[in-house]
Amino acid sequence: MRVISLKMLREFWTKHPHAQRPLRQWYQDALQAEWHSLHEVRQTYPHADAVLGKGGMLTVFNIGGNKYRLVVRIRYDYQLINVRAVLTHEQYDAGKWKE
């Protein structure tokens, strides 16, 4: 998969240093993956969920022991992941990813 963009992940872990290691791990996992469906994503990340967001179906990953949420759009047909939001659990629960 190609991931766009690492910049958003870096900006988040600059503010939340404990998120750096798990976000880097997710990034490496995603780069090596060849996912074709949510079912395949869940083989690596069992708690990944599909949610309906602005612009269509998004995938939410629990990161760092459920402390953070990574919201992405996965284009399986293009093997492309667009990072939409990286949030604390509290920000996600407050609906900040919908903005």
N, C-alpha and C. Protein backbone atom coordinates (compact mmCIF):
# COMPACT_ATOMS: atom_id res chain seq x y z
N MET A 1 0.85 -1.18 0.00
CA MET A 1 0.00 0.00 0.00
C MET A 1 0.90 1.24 0.00
N ARG A 2 0.37 2.29 -0.56
CA ARG A 2 1.01 3.61 -0.44
C ARG A 2 0.22 4.38 0.61
N VAL A 3 0.91 5.14 1.42
CA VAL A 3 0.25 5.89 2.49
C VAL A 3 0.51 7.38 2.28
N ILE A 4 -0.58 8.14 2.24
CA ILE A 4 -0.51 9.59 2.12
C ILE A 4 -1.21 10.16 3.35
N SER A 5 -0.61 10.75 4.28
CA SER A 5 0.78 11.12 4.27
C SER A 5 1.36 10.91 5.66
N LEU A 6 2.65 10.65 5.69
CA LEU A 6 3.37 10.49 6.94
C LEU A 6 3.39 11.81 7.72
N LYS A 7 3.28 12.92 7.04
CA LYS A 7 3.33 14.24 7.67
C LYS A 7 2.28 14.37 8.78
N MET A 8 1.06 13.94 8.52
CA MET A 8 0.00 14.03 9.54
C MET A 8 0.34 13.19 10.76
N LEU A 9 0.92 12.03 10.54
CA LEU A 9 1.32 11.18 11.66
C LEU A 9 2.41 11.86 12.48
N ARG A 10 3.39 12.43 11.80
CA ARG A 10 4.49 13.12 12.49
C ARG A 10 3.97 14.30 13.30
N GLU A 11 3.08 15.07 12.72
CA GLU A 11 2.52 16.22 13.44
C GLU A 11 1.81 15.77 14.71
N PHE A 12 1.11 14.65 14.63
CA PHE A 12 0.40 14.15 15.80
C PHE A 12 1.37 13.67 16.87
N TRP A 13 2.38 12.88 16.49
CA TRP A 13 3.26 12.35 17.52
C TRP A 13 4.20 13.43 18.08
N THR A 14 4.34 14.55 17.38
CA THR A 14 5.07 15.67 17.96
C THR A 14 4.33 16.21 19.18
N LYS A 15 3.00 16.23 19.09
CA LYS A 15 2.16 16.70 20.21
C LYS A 15 1.92 15.60 21.24
N HIS A 16 1.95 14.35 20.78
CA HIS A 16 1.66 13.19 21.64
C HIS A 16 2.79 12.17 21.46
N PRO A 17 3.93 12.40 22.13
CA PRO A 17 5.11 11.55 21.91
C PRO A 17 4.88 10.05 22.12
N HIS A 18 3.96 9.67 22.99
CA HIS A 18 3.70 8.24 23.22
C HIS A 18 3.06 7.57 22.00
N ALA A 19 2.56 8.37 21.08
CA ALA A 19 1.94 7.83 19.87
C ALA A 19 2.95 7.51 18.78
N GLN A 20 4.18 8.00 18.92
CA GLN A 20 5.15 7.83 17.84
C GLN A 20 5.42 6.37 17.50
N ARG A 21 5.74 5.59 18.49
CA ARG A 21 6.09 4.19 18.23
C ARG A 21 4.94 3.41 17.58
N PRO A 22 3.72 3.45 18.15
CA PRO A 22 2.64 2.69 17.50
C PRO A 22 2.24 3.23 16.13
N LEU A 23 2.34 4.55 15.92
CA LEU A 23 2.02 5.09 14.59
C LEU A 23 3.08 4.69 13.57
N ARG A 24 4.33 4.69 13.97
CA ARG A 24 5.39 4.23 13.06
C ARG A 24 5.19 2.75 12.71
N GLN A 25 4.78 1.96 13.70
CA GLN A 25 4.54 0.54 13.44
C GLN A 25 3.38 0.36 12.47
N TRP A 26 2.29 1.11 12.69
CA TRP A 26 1.16 1.03 11.77
C TRP A 26 1.61 1.42 10.36
N TYR A 27 2.39 2.49 10.26
CA TYR A 27 2.86 2.96 8.96
C TYR A 27 3.67 1.88 8.24
N GLN A 28 4.58 1.24 8.95
CA GLN A 28 5.38 0.18 8.34
C GLN A 28 4.51 -1.00 7.93
N ASP A 29 3.57 -1.37 8.79
CA ASP A 29 2.64 -2.46 8.46
C ASP A 29 1.85 -2.13 7.20
N ALA A 30 1.36 -0.89 7.12
CA ALA A 30 0.55 -0.49 5.97
C ALA A 30 1.37 -0.49 4.69
N LEU A 31 2.61 -0.01 4.76
CA LEU A 31 3.45 0.02 3.56
C LEU A 31 3.70 -1.39 3.02
N GLN A 32 3.79 -2.36 3.90
CA GLN A 32 4.07 -3.74 3.49
C GLN A 32 2.81 -4.52 3.12
N ALA A 33 1.66 -3.98 3.44
CA ALA A 33 0.39 -4.70 3.23
C ALA A 33 -0.05 -4.65 1.77
N GLU A 34 -0.88 -5.64 1.42
CA GLU A 34 -1.58 -5.65 0.14
C GLU A 34 -3.03 -5.99 0.44
N TRP A 35 -3.69 -5.08 1.16
CA TRP A 35 -5.07 -5.31 1.56
C TRP A 35 -6.02 -5.10 0.39
N HIS A 36 -7.04 -5.97 0.32
CA HIS A 36 -8.06 -5.85 -0.72
C HIS A 36 -9.46 -5.72 -0.14
N SER A 37 -9.56 -5.75 1.21
CA SER A 37 -10.86 -5.64 1.86
C SER A 37 -10.66 -5.38 3.35
N LEU A 38 -11.71 -4.96 4.01
CA LEU A 38 -11.65 -4.77 5.46
C LEU A 38 -11.35 -6.09 6.15
N HIS A 39 -11.86 -7.17 5.61
CA HIS A 39 -11.57 -8.49 6.17
C HIS A 39 -10.06 -8.73 6.22
N GLU A 40 -9.35 -8.39 5.16
CA GLU A 40 -7.90 -8.57 5.13
C GLU A 40 -7.21 -7.61 6.10
N VAL A 41 -7.70 -6.38 6.21
CA VAL A 41 -7.14 -5.43 7.17
C VAL A 41 -7.25 -6.01 8.58
N ARG A 42 -8.39 -6.61 8.88
CA ARG A 42 -8.64 -7.16 10.22
C ARG A 42 -7.77 -8.37 10.54
N GLN A 43 -7.17 -8.98 9.56
CA GLN A 43 -6.23 -10.06 9.83
C GLN A 43 -4.98 -9.51 10.50
N THR A 44 -4.64 -8.27 10.21
CA THR A 44 -3.50 -7.60 10.83
C THR A 44 -3.95 -6.74 12.01
N TYR A 45 -5.06 -6.05 11.86
CA TYR A 45 -5.61 -5.16 12.89
C TYR A 45 -7.05 -5.58 13.18
N PRO A 46 -7.23 -6.54 14.08
CA PRO A 46 -8.56 -7.11 14.33
C PRO A 46 -9.63 -6.11 14.77
N HIS A 47 -9.22 -4.99 15.35
CA HIS A 47 -10.20 -4.03 15.85
C HIS A 47 -10.44 -2.87 14.89
N ALA A 48 -9.96 -2.98 13.67
CA ALA A 48 -10.24 -1.95 12.66
C ALA A 48 -11.74 -1.97 12.35
N ASP A 49 -12.31 -0.78 12.21
CA ASP A 49 -13.74 -0.67 11.95
C ASP A 49 -14.00 0.22 10.74
N ALA A 50 -15.05 -0.09 10.03
CA ALA A 50 -15.52 0.74 8.94
C ALA A 50 -16.56 1.71 9.49
N VAL A 51 -16.43 2.98 9.12
CA VAL A 51 -17.39 4.00 9.53
C VAL A 51 -17.74 4.85 8.33
N LEU A 52 -18.95 5.35 8.32
CA LEU A 52 -19.37 6.24 7.25
C LEU A 52 -19.02 7.66 7.66
N GLY A 53 -18.19 8.29 6.86
CA GLY A 53 -17.75 9.65 7.15
C GLY A 53 -18.01 10.55 5.96
N LYS A 54 -17.58 11.77 6.11
CA LYS A 54 -17.70 12.73 5.03
C LYS A 54 -16.91 12.20 3.84
N GLY A 55 -17.54 12.04 2.73
CA GLY A 55 -16.84 11.56 1.55
C GLY A 55 -16.83 10.05 1.37
N GLY A 56 -17.57 9.32 2.22
CA GLY A 56 -17.65 7.89 2.00
C GLY A 56 -17.20 7.05 3.17
N MET A 57 -16.89 5.79 2.86
CA MET A 57 -16.51 4.81 3.87
C MET A 57 -15.07 5.03 4.30
N LEU A 58 -14.86 5.06 5.62
CA LEU A 58 -13.53 5.24 6.19
C LEU A 58 -13.21 4.05 7.08
N THR A 59 -11.94 3.86 7.38
CA THR A 59 -11.51 2.80 8.28
C THR A 59 -10.85 3.46 9.49
N VAL A 60 -11.21 2.98 10.68
CA VAL A 60 -10.67 3.51 11.92
C VAL A 60 -9.82 2.43 12.58
N PHE A 61 -8.58 2.80 12.91
CA PHE A 61 -7.65 1.91 13.60
C PHE A 61 -7.49 2.38 15.04
N ASN A 62 -7.52 1.43 15.96
CA ASN A 62 -7.17 1.71 17.36
C ASN A 62 -5.66 1.62 17.45
N ILE A 63 -5.04 2.67 17.92
CA ILE A 63 -3.58 2.76 17.96
C ILE A 63 -3.12 2.97 19.40
N GLY A 64 -2.02 2.36 19.75
CA GLY A 64 -1.41 2.60 21.06
C GLY A 64 -2.25 2.11 22.22
N GLY A 65 -2.72 0.87 22.11
CA GLY A 65 -3.51 0.32 23.21
C GLY A 65 -4.83 1.03 23.40
N ASN A 66 -5.43 1.47 22.29
CA ASN A 66 -6.74 2.11 22.32
C ASN A 66 -6.70 3.55 22.81
N LYS A 67 -5.51 4.16 22.88
CA LYS A 67 -5.38 5.56 23.31
C LYS A 67 -5.64 6.53 22.17
N TYR A 68 -5.39 6.09 20.95
CA TYR A 68 -5.48 6.97 19.78
C TYR A 68 -6.32 6.32 18.69
N ARG A 69 -6.84 7.16 17.80
CA ARG A 69 -7.62 6.70 16.66
C ARG A 69 -6.99 7.26 15.40
N LEU A 70 -6.82 6.38 14.44
CA LEU A 70 -6.31 6.76 13.13
C LEU A 70 -7.44 6.51 12.14
N VAL A 71 -7.87 7.58 11.48
CA VAL A 71 -8.97 7.50 10.53
C VAL A 71 -8.39 7.66 9.12
N VAL A 72 -8.66 6.66 8.28
CA VAL A 72 -8.10 6.67 6.92
C VAL A 72 -9.17 6.30 5.90
N ARG A 73 -8.89 6.65 4.69
CA ARG A 73 -9.69 6.15 3.56
C ARG A 73 -8.79 5.20 2.80
N ILE A 74 -9.24 4.00 2.62
CA ILE A 74 -8.46 3.00 1.89
C ILE A 74 -9.07 2.78 0.52
N ARG A 75 -8.27 2.99 -0.51
CA ARG A 75 -8.67 2.68 -1.88
C ARG A 75 -8.00 1.37 -2.24
N TYR A 76 -8.73 0.28 -2.00
CA TYR A 76 -8.17 -1.05 -2.26
C TYR A 76 -7.80 -1.22 -3.73
N ASP A 77 -8.60 -0.63 -4.62
CA ASP A 77 -8.34 -0.78 -6.05
C ASP A 77 -7.03 -0.13 -6.48
N TYR A 78 -6.59 0.91 -5.76
CA TYR A 78 -5.34 1.60 -6.08
C TYR A 78 -4.23 1.29 -5.07
N GLN A 79 -4.53 0.46 -4.07
CA GLN A 79 -3.57 0.16 -3.01
C GLN A 79 -3.05 1.46 -2.38
N LEU A 80 -4.00 2.31 -2.00
CA LEU A 80 -3.70 3.65 -1.52
C LEU A 80 -4.45 3.93 -0.22
N ILE A 81 -3.74 4.47 0.76
CA ILE A 81 -4.35 4.88 2.02
C ILE A 81 -4.16 6.38 2.17
N ASN A 82 -5.26 7.09 2.37
CA ASN A 82 -5.21 8.52 2.67
C ASN A 82 -5.52 8.71 4.15
N VAL A 83 -4.56 9.26 4.87
CA VAL A 83 -4.78 9.55 6.29
C VAL A 83 -5.70 10.76 6.38
N ARG A 84 -6.82 10.58 7.07
CA ARG A 84 -7.80 11.66 7.21
C ARG A 84 -7.68 12.37 8.55
N ALA A 85 -7.39 11.60 9.61
CA ALA A 85 -7.29 12.21 10.94
C ALA A 85 -6.52 11.28 11.87
N VAL A 86 -5.79 11.89 12.80
CA VAL A 86 -5.16 11.16 13.89
C VAL A 86 -5.61 11.88 15.15
N LEU A 87 -6.25 11.14 16.04
CA LEU A 87 -6.91 11.76 17.19
C LEU A 87 -6.67 10.99 18.47
N THR A 88 -6.81 11.67 19.58
CA THR A 88 -6.86 10.96 20.84
C THR A 88 -8.22 10.27 20.90
N HIS A 89 -8.34 9.32 21.79
CA HIS A 89 -9.61 8.62 21.97
C HIS A 89 -10.72 9.63 22.28
N GLU A 90 -10.41 10.61 23.13
CA GLU A 90 -11.41 11.60 23.53
C GLU A 90 -11.85 12.46 22.35
N GLN A 91 -10.90 12.87 21.51
CA GLN A 91 -11.25 13.67 20.33
C GLN A 91 -12.13 12.86 19.37
N TYR A 92 -11.81 11.60 19.21
CA TYR A 92 -12.60 10.75 18.33
C TYR A 92 -14.03 10.62 18.87
N ASP A 93 -14.15 10.33 20.16
CA ASP A 93 -15.47 10.19 20.77
C ASP A 93 -16.29 11.47 20.66
N ALA A 94 -15.60 12.62 20.64
CA ALA A 94 -16.29 13.90 20.52
C ALA A 94 -16.69 14.20 19.08
N GLY A 95 -16.31 13.33 18.15
CA GLY A 95 -16.70 13.49 16.75
C GLY A 95 -15.79 14.39 15.95
N LYS A 96 -14.58 14.66 16.44
CA LYS A 96 -13.66 15.57 15.74
C LYS A 96 -13.27 15.03 14.36
N TRP A 97 -13.35 13.73 14.15
CA TRP A 97 -12.97 13.15 12.85
C TRP A 97 -14.00 13.45 11.77
N LYS A 98 -15.18 13.86 12.18
CA LYS A 98 -16.24 14.15 11.20
C LYS A 98 -16.12 15.53 10.59
N GLU A 99 -15.25 16.36 11.17
CA GLU A 99 -15.13 17.76 10.72
C GLU A 99 -14.35 17.88 9.44
